[in-house]
PDB file of N, CA and C in Angstrom:
ATOM      1  N   MET A   1      10.711  18.482   5.286  1.00  0.00           N
ATOM      2  CA  MET A   1       9.126  18.385   5.808  1.00  0.00           C
ATOM      3  C   MET A   1       8.488  17.047   5.567  1.00  0.00           C
ATOM      4  N   ALA A   2       8.162  16.352   7.003  1.00  0.00           N
ATOM      5  CA  ALA A   2       7.473  14.757   6.829  1.00  0.00           C
ATOM      6  C   ALA A   2       6.397  14.719   5.869  1.00  0.00           C
ATOM      7  N   SER A   3       6.570  13.489   5.307  1.00  0.00           N
ATOM      8  CA  SER A   3       5.453  12.744   4.240  1.00  0.00           C
ATOM      9  C   SER A   3       4.038  13.184   5.363  1.00  0.00           C
ATOM     10  N   GLN A   4       2.903  13.535   4.908  1.00  0.00           N
ATOM     11  CA  GLN A   4       1.634  13.642   5.395  1.00  0.00           C
ATOM     12  C   GLN A   4       0.968  12.831   5.061  1.00  0.00           C
ATOM     13  N   LYS A   5       0.385  11.592   5.789  1.00  0.00           N
ATOM     14  CA  LYS A   5      -0.591  10.210   5.472  1.00  0.00           C
ATOM     15  C   LYS A   5      -1.955  10.393   5.829  1.00  0.00           C
ATOM     16  N   VAL A   6      -3.235  10.048   5.620  1.00  0.00           N
ATOM     17  CA  VAL A   6      -4.171  10.105   5.842  1.00  0.00           C
ATOM     18  C   VAL A   6      -4.983   8.526   5.873  1.00  0.00           C
ATOM     19  N   SER A   7      -5.432   7.895   6.711  1.00  0.00           N
ATOM     20  CA  SER A   7      -5.787   6.767   6.706  1.00  0.00           C
ATOM     21  C   SER A   7      -6.606   6.309   5.841  1.00  0.00           C
ATOM     22  N   LYS A   8      -6.977   5.300   5.488  1.00  0.00           N
ATOM     23  CA  LYS A   8      -7.768   4.325   4.489  1.00  0.00           C
ATOM     24  C   LYS A   8      -9.140   4.378   4.671  1.00  0.00           C
ATOM     25  N   VAL A   9      -9.632   4.992   6.124  1.00  0.00           N
ATOM     26  CA  VAL A   9     -11.145   5.190   6.248  1.00  0.00           C
ATOM     27  C   VAL A   9     -10.743   7.307   5.906  1.00  0.00           C
ATOM     28  N   GLN A  10     -10.207   7.697   6.183  1.00  0.00           N
ATOM     29  CA  GLN A  10      -9.875   9.133   5.513  1.00  0.00           C
ATOM     30  C   GLN A  10     -10.456   9.128   4.243  1.00  0.00           C
ATOM     31  N   MET A  11      -9.552   8.569   3.456  1.00  0.00           N
ATOM     32  CA  MET A  11      -9.218   8.386   2.258  1.00  0.00           C
ATOM     33  C   MET A  11     -10.433   8.426   1.267  1.00  0.00           C
ATOM     34  N   LEU A  12     -10.947   6.805   1.651  1.00  0.00           N
ATOM     35  CA  LEU A  12     -12.487   6.112   1.340  1.00  0.00           C
ATOM     36  C   LEU A  12     -13.134   7.685   1.327  1.00  0.00           C
ATOM     37  N   ASP A  13     -13.406   8.238   2.293  1.00  0.00           N
ATOM     38  CA  ASP A  13     -14.653   9.051   2.716  1.00  0.00           C
ATOM     39  C   ASP A  13     -14.160  10.596   1.517  1.00  0.00           C
ATOM     40  N   LEU A  14     -13.085  10.157   1.571  1.00  0.00           N
ATOM     41  CA  LEU A  14     -12.618  12.034   0.653  1.00  0.00           C
ATOM     42  C   LEU A  14     -13.228  11.496  -0.503  1.00  0.00           C
ATOM     43  N   LEU A  15     -12.675  10.322  -1.076  1.00  0.00           N
ATOM     44  CA  LEU A  15     -12.961   9.728  -2.313  1.00  0.00           C
ATOM     45  C   LEU A  15     -14.257   9.732  -2.856  1.00  0.00           C
ATOM     46  N   GLY A  16     -14.673   9.231  -1.854  1.00  0.00           N
ATOM     47  CA  GLY A  16     -16.481   9.213  -2.177  1.00  0.00           C
ATOM     48  C   GLY A  16     -17.043  10.714  -1.774  1.00  0.00           C
ATOM     49  N   ARG A  17     -16.576  11.470  -1.894  1.00  0.00           N
ATOM     50  CA  ARG A  17     -17.167  12.966  -1.556  1.00  0.00           C
ATOM     51  C   ARG A  17     -16.811  13.380  -3.175  1.00  0.00           C
ATOM     52  N   LEU A  18     -15.709  13.074  -3.196  1.00  0.00           N
ATOM     53  CA  LEU A  18     -15.030  13.665  -4.601  1.00  0.00           C
ATOM     54  C   LEU A  18     -15.782  12.964  -5.979  1.00  0.00           C
ATOM     55  N   ALA A  19     -16.552  11.790  -5.771  1.00  0.00           N
ATOM     56  CA  ALA A  19     -17.544  11.191  -6.568  1.00  0.00           C
ATOM     57  C   ALA A  19     -18.381  11.315  -7.135  1.00  0.00           C
ATOM     58  N   THR A  20     -19.281  12.191  -5.832  1.00  0.00           N
ATOM     59  CA  THR A  20     -20.333  12.082  -5.970  1.00  0.00           C
ATOM     60  C   THR A  20     -21.401  13.765  -5.146  1.00  0.00           C
ATOM     61  N   ASP A  21     -20.492  14.286  -4.735  1.00  0.00           N
ATOM     62  CA  ASP A  21     -20.808  15.704  -4.100  1.00  0.00           C
ATOM     63  C   ASP A  21     -20.381  16.685  -5.131  1.00  0.00           C
ATOM     64  N   ASP A  22     -20.846  17.579  -5.785  1.00  0.00           N
ATOM     65  CA  ASP A  22     -20.956  18.260  -6.569  1.00  0.00           C
ATOM     66  C   ASP A  22     -20.466  19.571  -5.797  1.00  0.00           C
ATOM     67  N   GLY A  23     -20.973  19.994  -4.527  1.00  0.00           N
ATOM     68  CA  GLY A  23     -20.816  21.165  -3.524  1.00  0.00           C
ATOM     69  C   GLY A  23     -19.454  21.177  -3.328  1.00  0.00           C
ATOM     70  N   TYR A  24     -19.083  19.627  -2.533  1.00  0.00           N
ATOM     71  CA  TYR A  24     -17.541  19.654  -2.354  1.00  0.00           C
ATOM     72  C   TYR A  24     -16.961  19.937  -3.184  1.00  0.00           C
ATOM     73  N   ARG A  25     -17.022  19.185  -4.227  1.00  0.00           N
ATOM     74  CA  ARG A  25     -16.045  19.087  -5.770  1.00  0.00           C
ATOM     75  C   ARG A  25     -15.955  20.626  -5.704  1.00  0.00           C
ATOM     76  N   GLU A  26     -16.696  21.354  -5.551  1.00  0.00           N
ATOM     77  CA  GLU A  26     -16.754  22.795  -5.888  1.00  0.00           C
ATOM     78  C   GLU A  26     -15.779  23.453  -5.194  1.00  0.00           C
ATOM     79  N   ARG A  27     -15.819  23.252  -4.043  1.00  0.00           N
ATOM     80  CA  ARG A  27     -15.203  24.194  -2.551  1.00  0.00           C
ATOM     81  C   ARG A  27     -14.188  23.258  -2.788  1.00  0.00           C
ATOM     82  N   PHE A  28     -13.763  21.984  -2.736  1.00  0.00           N
ATOM     83  CA  PHE A  28     -12.277  21.151  -3.074  1.00  0.00           C
ATOM     84  C   PHE A  28     -11.645  22.209  -4.368  1.00  0.00           C
ATOM     85  N   GLU A  29     -11.757  22.460  -5.591  1.00  0.00           N
ATOM     86  CA  GLU A  29     -11.223  22.939  -6.316  1.00  0.00           C
ATOM     87  C   GLU A  29     -11.071  24.387  -6.112  1.00  0.00           C
ATOM     88  N   LYS A  30     -11.768  25.021  -5.264  1.00  0.00           N
ATOM     89  CA  LYS A  30     -11.277  26.766  -4.746  1.00  0.00           C
ATOM     90  C   LYS A  30     -10.299  26.720  -3.801  1.00  0.00           C
ATOM     91  N   ASN A  31     -10.584  25.554  -2.547  1.00  0.00           N
ATOM     92  CA  ASN A  31      -9.713  26.035  -1.465  1.00  0.00           C
ATOM     93  C   ASN A  31      -9.504  24.493  -1.084  1.00  0.00           C
ATOM     94  N   PRO A  32      -8.416  23.770  -1.327  1.00  0.00           N
ATOM     95  CA  PRO A  32      -8.500  22.627  -1.621  1.00  0.00           C
ATOM     96  C   PRO A  32      -7.856  22.063  -0.027  1.00  0.00           C
ATOM     97  N   SER A  33      -7.590  22.629   0.698  1.00  0.00           N
ATOM     98  CA  SER A  33      -7.073  22.796   2.416  1.00  0.00           C
ATOM     99  C   SER A  33      -7.860  22.689   3.033  1.00  0.00           C
ATOM    100  N   ALA A  34      -9.191  23.890   2.682  1.00  0.00           N
ATOM    101  CA  ALA A  34     -10.134  24.063   3.694  1.00  0.00           C
ATOM    102  C   ALA A  34     -11.130  22.518   3.271  1.00  0.00           C
ATOM    103  N   ALA A  35     -11.244  22.071   2.363  1.00  0.00           N
ATOM    104  CA  ALA A  35     -12.081  20.904   1.705  1.00  0.00           C
ATOM    105  C   ALA A  35     -11.554  19.737   2.975  1.00  0.00           C
ATOM    106  N   LEU A  36     -10.374  19.760   2.710  1.00  0.00           N
ATOM    107  CA  LEU A  36      -9.337  18.399   3.341  1.00  0.00           C
ATOM    108  C   LEU A  36     -10.259  18.421   5.076  1.00  0.00           C
ATOM    109  N   THR A  37      -9.709  20.136   5.123  1.00  0.00           N
ATOM    110  CA  THR A  37     -10.105  19.653   7.013  1.00  0.00           C
ATOM    111  C   THR A  37     -11.764  19.630   6.698  1.00  0.00           C
ATOM    112  N   GLU A  38     -12.830  19.896   5.951  1.00  0.00           N
ATOM    113  CA  GLU A  38     -13.602  19.706   6.446  1.00  0.00           C
ATOM    114  C   GLU A  38     -14.453  18.150   5.972  1.00  0.00           C
ATOM    115  N   ALA A  39     -13.430  17.427   5.267  1.00  0.00           N
ATOM    116  CA  ALA A  39     -13.798  15.586   5.375  1.00  0.00           C
ATOM    117  C   ALA A  39     -13.320  15.333   6.371  1.00  0.00           C
ATOM    118  N   GLY A  40     -12.419  15.573   7.546  1.00  0.00           N
ATOM    119  CA  GLY A  40     -11.962  15.611   8.743  1.00  0.00           C
ATOM    120  C   GLY A  40     -10.666  15.343   9.107  1.00  0.00           C
ATOM    121  N   ILE A  41      -9.900  15.862   7.970  1.00  0.00           N
ATOM    122  CA  ILE A  41      -8.621  15.821   7.883  1.00  0.00           C
ATOM    123  C   ILE A  41      -8.230  16.691   8.953  1.00  0.00           C
ATOM    124  N   PRO A  42      -6.968  16.743   9.873  1.00  0.00           N
ATOM    125  CA  PRO A  42      -6.841  17.610  10.369  1.00  0.00           C
ATOM    126  C   PRO A  42      -6.109  18.979  10.308  1.00  0.00           C
ATOM    127  N   PRO A  43      -6.181  20.095  10.614  1.00  0.00           N
ATOM    128  CA  PRO A  43      -5.777  20.980   9.615  1.00  0.00           C
ATOM    129  C   PRO A  43      -4.242  21.312  10.131  1.00  0.00           C
ATOM    130  N   GLU A  44      -3.352  20.944  10.962  1.00  0.00           N
ATOM    131  CA  GLU A  44      -2.128  20.836  10.971  1.00  0.00           C
ATOM    132  C   GLU A  44      -1.619  19.681  10.359  1.00  0.00           C
ATOM    133  N   GLN A  45      -2.485  18.778   9.785  1.00  0.00           N
ATOM    134  CA  GLN A  45      -1.969  17.725   8.716  1.00  0.00           C
ATOM    135  C   GLN A  45      -2.105  18.125   7.826  1.00  0.00           C
ATOM    136  N   VAL A  46      -3.104  18.542   7.309  1.00  0.00           N
ATOM    137  CA  VAL A  46      -3.315  18.964   5.841  1.00  0.00           C
ATOM    138  C   VAL A  46      -2.413  20.654   5.844  1.00  0.00           C
ATOM    139  N   LYS A  47      -1.399  21.082   6.762  1.00  0.00           N
ATOM    140  CA  LYS A  47      -0.546  22.226   6.045  1.00  0.00           C
ATOM    141  C   LYS A  47       0.381  21.607   5.724  1.00  0.00           C
ATOM    142  N   GLY A  48       0.884  20.557   6.302  1.00  0.00           N
ATOM    143  CA  GLY A  48       1.795  19.215   5.735  1.00  0.00           C
ATOM    144  C   GLY A  48       2.408  18.765   4.470  1.00  0.00           C
ATOM    145  N   PHE A  49       1.047  18.722   4.231  1.00  0.00           N
ATOM    146  CA  PHE A  49       1.131  18.303   2.262  1.00  0.00           C
ATOM    147  C   PHE A  49       1.936  19.038   2.027  1.00  0.00           C
ATOM    148  N   PRO A  50       2.377  18.724   0.879  1.00  0.00           N
ATOM    149  CA  PRO A  50       2.859  19.473  -0.285  1.00  0.00           C
ATOM    150  C   PRO A  50       2.077  20.582  -0.810  1.00  0.00           C
ATOM    151  N   GLU A  51       2.823  21.914  -0.943  1.00  0.00           N
ATOM    152  CA  GLU A  51       2.030  22.847  -2.088  1.00  0.00           C
ATOM    153  C   GLU A  51       1.256  22.698  -2.893  1.00  0.00           C
ATOM    154  N   ASP A  52       2.061  22.022  -3.783  1.00  0.00           N
ATOM    155  CA  ASP A  52       1.349  21.591  -4.940  1.00  0.00           C
ATOM    156  C   ASP A  52       0.103  20.589  -4.807  1.00  0.00           C
ATOM    157  N   HIS A  53       0.280  20.055  -3.541  1.00  0.00           N
ATOM    158  CA  HIS A  53      -0.834  19.045  -3.908  1.00  0.00           C
ATOM    159  C   HIS A  53      -2.038  19.878  -2.891  1.00  0.00           C
ATOM    160  N   THR A  54      -1.962  21.028  -2.408  1.00  0.00           N
ATOM    161  CA  THR A  54      -3.097  21.648  -1.549  1.00  0.00           C
ATOM    162  C   THR A  54      -3.418  23.142  -2.531  1.00  0.00           C
ATOM    163  N   ARG A  55      -2.919  23.426  -4.164  1.00  0.00           N
ATOM    164  CA  ARG A  55      -3.506  24.343  -4.450  1.00  0.00           C
ATOM    165  C   ARG A  55      -4.671  24.256  -5.586  1.00  0.00           C
ATOM    166  N   PRO A  56      -5.288  25.245  -5.236  1.00  0.00           N
ATOM    167  CA  PRO A  56      -6.807  25.650  -6.476  1.00  0.00           C
ATOM    168  C   PRO A  56      -6.372  25.032  -7.792  1.00  0.00           C
ATOM    169  N   GLY A  57      -7.449  24.296  -8.287  1.00  0.00           N
ATOM    170  CA  GLY A  57      -7.042  23.743  -9.461  1.00  0.00           C
ATOM    171  C   GLY A  57      -8.654  22.686 -10.093  1.00  0.00           C
ATOM    172  N   ARG A  58      -8.677  22.888 -10.866  1.00  0.00           N
ATOM    173  CA  ARG A  58      -9.687  21.973 -11.795  1.00  0.00           C
ATOM    174  C   ARG A  58      -9.397  20.037 -11.518  1.00  0.00           C
ATOM    175  N   LEU A  59     -10.486  19.639 -10.927  1.00  0.00           N
ATOM    176  CA  LEU A  59     -10.653  18.174 -10.425  1.00  0.00           C
ATOM    177  C   LEU A  59     -11.264  17.671 -11.942  1.00  0.00           C
ATOM    178  N   ALA A  60     -10.430  15.969 -11.555  1.00  0.00           N
ATOM    179  CA  ALA A  60     -10.971  15.054 -12.590  1.00  0.00           C
ATOM    180  C   ALA A  60     -11.877  14.502 -12.740  1.00  0.00           C
ATOM    181  N   PRO A  61     -12.546  13.989 -13.278  1.00  0.00           N
ATOM    182  CA  PRO A  61     -14.331  13.490 -13.496  1.00  0.00           C
ATOM    183  C   PRO A  61     -14.082  12.356 -12.657  1.00  0.00           C
ATOM    184  N   LYS A  62     -15.467  12.780 -11.709  1.00  0.00           N
ATOM    185  CA  LYS A  62     -16.328  11.998 -10.580  1.00  0.00           C
ATOM    186  C   LYS A  62     -15.764  10.525 -10.893  1.00  0.00           C
ATOM    187  N   SER A  63     -16.022  10.102 -12.234  1.00  0.00           N
ATOM    188  CA  SER A  63     -16.119   8.506 -12.459  1.00  0.00           C
ATOM    189  C   SER A  63     -14.176   7.920 -11.943  1.00  0.00           C
ATOM    190  N   GLU A  64     -13.529   9.136 -12.294  1.00  0.00           N
ATOM    191  CA  GLU A  64     -11.911   8.700 -11.422  1.00  0.00           C
ATOM    192  C   GLU A  64     -11.913   8.343 -10.523  1.00  0.00           C
ATOM    193  N   PHE A  65     -12.563   9.234  -9.432  1.00  0.00           N
ATOM    194  CA  PHE A  65     -12.480   8.579  -7.958  1.00  0.00           C
ATOM    195  C   PHE A  65     -13.644   7.944  -7.977  1.00  0.00           C
ATOM    196  N   GLU A  66     -14.530   7.709  -8.147  1.00  0.00           N
ATOM    197  CA  GLU A  66     -15.176   6.633  -8.282  1.00  0.00           C
ATOM    198  C   GLU A  66     -14.186   5.200  -7.992  1.00  0.00           C
ATOM    199  N   ALA A  67     -13.251   4.954  -9.473  1.00  0.00           N
ATOM    200  CA  ALA A  67     -13.268   4.328  -9.675  1.00  0.00           C
ATOM    201  C   ALA A  67     -11.801   4.155  -8.981  1.00  0.00           C
ATOM    202  N   ALA A  68     -11.184   5.371  -7.962  1.00  0.00           N
ATOM    203  CA  ALA A  68     -10.290   4.792  -7.150  1.00  0.00           C
ATOM    204  C   ALA A  68     -10.560   4.073  -5.893  1.00  0.00           C
ATOM    205  N   GLN A  69     -11.845   4.494  -5.617  1.00  0.00           N
ATOM    206  CA  GLN A  69     -12.451   4.267  -4.321  1.00  0.00           C
ATOM    207  C   GLN A  69     -13.070   2.675  -4.120  1.00  0.00           C
ATOM    208  N   LYS A  70     -13.303   2.531  -5.830  1.00  0.00           N
ATOM    209  CA  LYS A  70     -13.866   0.928  -5.425  1.00  0.00           C
ATOM    210  C   LYS A  70     -12.488   0.233  -5.419  1.00  0.00           C
ATOM    211  N   ARG A  71     -11.164   0.646  -6.235  1.00  0.00           N
ATOM    212  CA  ARG A  71      -9.658  -0.012  -6.171  1.00  0.00           C
ATOM    213  C   ARG A  71      -9.240   0.370  -4.416  1.00  0.00           C
ATOM    214  N   LEU A  72      -9.821   0.918  -3.645  1.00  0.00           N
ATOM    215  CA  LEU A  72      -9.507   0.836  -2.601  1.00  0.00           C
ATOM    216  C   LEU A  72      -9.760   0.313  -1.525  1.00  0.00           C
ATOM    217  N   THR A  73     -11.313   0.232  -2.049  1.00  0.00           N
ATOM    218  CA  THR A  73     -11.997  -0.460  -0.888  1.00  0.00           C
ATOM    219  C   THR A  73     -12.034  -2.344  -1.015  1.00  0.00           C
ATOM    220  N   SER A  74     -11.895  -2.724  -2.180  1.00  0.00           N
ATOM    221  CA  SER A  74     -11.245  -3.829  -2.547  1.00  0.00           C
ATOM    222  C   SER A  74      -9.859  -3.900  -2.420  1.00  0.00           C
ATOM    223  N   GLN A  75      -9.222  -3.313  -2.023  1.00  0.00           N
ATOM    224  CA  GLN A  75      -7.914  -3.714  -1.002  1.00  0.00           C
ATOM    225  C   GLN A  75      -7.943  -3.853   0.373  1.00  0.00           C
ATOM    226  N   VAL A  76      -8.865  -2.744   0.739  1.00  0.00           N
ATOM    227  CA  VAL A  76      -9.621  -2.779   2.025  1.00  0.00           C
ATOM    228  C   VAL A  76     -10.323  -4.296   2.837  1.00  0.00           C
ATOM    229  N   ASP A  77     -10.440  -4.874   1.483  1.00  0.00           N
ATOM    230  CA  ASP A  77     -11.603  -5.621   1.333  1.00  0.00           C
ATOM    231  C   ASP A  77     -10.175  -7.022   1.927  1.00  0.00           C
ATOM    232  N   GLU A  78      -9.453  -7.311   0.739  1.00  0.00           N
ATOM    233  CA  GLU A  78      -8.531  -8.383   0.812  1.00  0.00           C
ATOM    234  C   GLU A  78      -7.653  -8.321   2.089  1.00  0.00           C
ATOM    235  N   ASP A  79      -7.092  -7.397   2.598  1.00  0.00           N
ATOM    236  CA  ASP A  79      -6.613  -7.339   3.598  1.00  0.00           C
ATOM    237  C   ASP A  79      -6.868  -7.668   4.929  1.00  0.00           C
ATOM    238  N   CYS A  80      -8.946  -7.222   5.117  1.00  0.00           N
ATOM    239  CA  CYS A  80      -9.566  -8.076   5.852  1.00  0.00           C
ATOM    240  C   CYS A  80      -9.389  -9.647   5.981  1.00  0.00           C
ATOM    241  N   LEU A  81      -9.992  -9.681   4.434  1.00  0.00           N
ATOM    242  CA  LEU A  81     -10.109 -11.412   4.450  1.00  0.00           C
ATOM    243  C   LEU A  81      -8.520 -12.199   4.772  1.00  0.00           C
ATOM    244  N   CYS A  82      -7.654 -11.636   4.800  1.00  0.00           N
ATOM    245  CA  CYS A  82      -6.149 -12.188   4.567  1.00  0.00           C
ATOM    246  C   CYS A  82      -5.973 -12.342   6.026  1.00  0.00           C
ATOM    247  N   MET A  83      -6.863 -11.867   6.817  1.00  0.00           N
ATOM    248  CA  MET A  83      -6.700 -11.731   8.689  1.00  0.00           C
ATOM    249  C   MET A  83      -7.296 -12.328   9.300  1.00  0.00           C
ATOM    250  N   VAL A  84      -8.172 -13.413   8.731  1.00  0.00           N
ATOM    251  CA  VAL A  84      -8.855 -14.673   9.131  1.00  0.00           C
ATOM    252  C   VAL A  84      -8.596 -15.700  10.088  1.00  0.00           C
ATOM    253  N   ILE A  85      -8.307 -15.843  11.417  1.00  0.00           N
ATOM    254  CA  ILE A  85      -7.988 -16.147  12.322  1.00  0.00           C
ATOM    255  C   ILE A  85      -7.878 -17.614  12.816  1.00  0.00           C
ATOM    256  N   PRO A  86      -7.957 -18.752  12.475  1.00  0.00           N
ATOM    257  CA  PRO A  86      -8.593 -20.075  12.559  1.00  0.00           C
ATOM    258  C   PRO A  86      -8.603 -20.290  14.122  1.00  0.00           C
ATOM    259  N   GLY A  87      -9.981 -20.505  14.437  1.00  0.00           N
ATOM    260  CA  GLY A  87     -10.848 -21.303  15.441  1.00  0.00           C
ATOM    261  C   GLY A  87     -10.053 -22.396  15.967  1.00  0.00           C
ATOM    262  N   LEU A  88      -9.654 -22.316  17.621  1.00  0.00           N
ATOM    263  CA  LEU A  88      -9.471 -23.870  17.848  1.00  0.00           C
ATOM    264  C   LEU A  88     -10.583 -24.403  19.131  1.00  0.00           C
ATOM    265  N   ARG A  89     -10.961 -25.947  18.421  1.00  0.00           N
ATOM    266  CA  ARG A  89     -11.982 -26.303  19.202  1.00  0.00           C
ATOM    267  C   ARG A  89     -11.368 -27.091  20.150  1.00  0.00           C
ATOM    268  N   LEU A  90     -11.201 -27.344  21.440  1.00  0.00           N
ATOM    269  CA  LEU A  90     -10.669 -28.284  22.677  1.00  0.00           C
ATOM    270  C   LEU A  90     -11.769 -28.607  23.257  1.00  0.00           C
ATOM    271  N   ASP A  91     -12.797 -29.151  22.752  1.00  0.00           N
ATOM    272  CA  ASP A  91     -13.864 -29.799  23.918  1.00  0.00           C
ATOM    273  C   ASP A  91     -14.468 -30.997  22.650  1.00  0.00           C
ATOM    274  N   PHE A  92     -13.874 -31.990  23.013  1.00  0.00           N
ATOM    275  CA  PHE A  92     -13.773 -33.442  21.970  1.00  0.00           C
ATOM    276  C   PHE A  92     -14.784 -34.352  23.311  1.00  0.00           C
ATOM    277  N   GLY A  93     -15.790 -34.739  22.074  1.00  0.00           N
ATOM    278  CA  GLY A  93     -16.727 -35.453  22.935  1.00  0.00           C
ATOM    279  C   GLY A  93     -18.048 -34.939  23.717  1.00  0.00           C
ATOM    280  N   ASP A  94     -18.231 -35.450  24.599  1.00  0.00           N
ATOM    281  CA  ASP A  94     -19.780 -35.338  25.780  1.00  0.00           C
ATOM    282  C   ASP A  94     -19.623 -34.807  26.627  1.00  0.00           C
ATOM    283  N   HIS A  95     -19.697 -34.018  27.704  1.00  0.00           N
ATOM    284  CA  HIS A  95     -19.376 -33.658  28.990  1.00  0.00           C
ATOM    285  C   HIS A  95     -20.603 -33.872  29.623  1.00  0.00           C
ATOM    286  N   LYS A  96     -20.435 -34.631  30.407  1.00  0.00           N
ATOM    287  CA  LYS A  96     -21.778 -34.828  31.443  1.00  0.00           C
ATOM    288  C   LYS A  96     -21.190 -33.939  33.036  1.00  0.00           C
TER     289      LYS A  96
END
């Protein structure tokens, strides 16, 4: 089965929910597939995740998800900073 990937935006949203939303965390522990769909990941994509990634179970503490979200946010910021394109100015002197 092909590897399924989520976008950085989806991952940041998911990590944020898992770091702060007690109700979402409870739903995720009981039914990860439904919780992933609730977070905006298409059901057909969720079905492609490895089975051991979508089994019900106990989540790590909120602080772990908060730290992961901060790391990913920092990486996104660094990616954006690396994409600065220099401006080119071609108008020299006064135009009358």
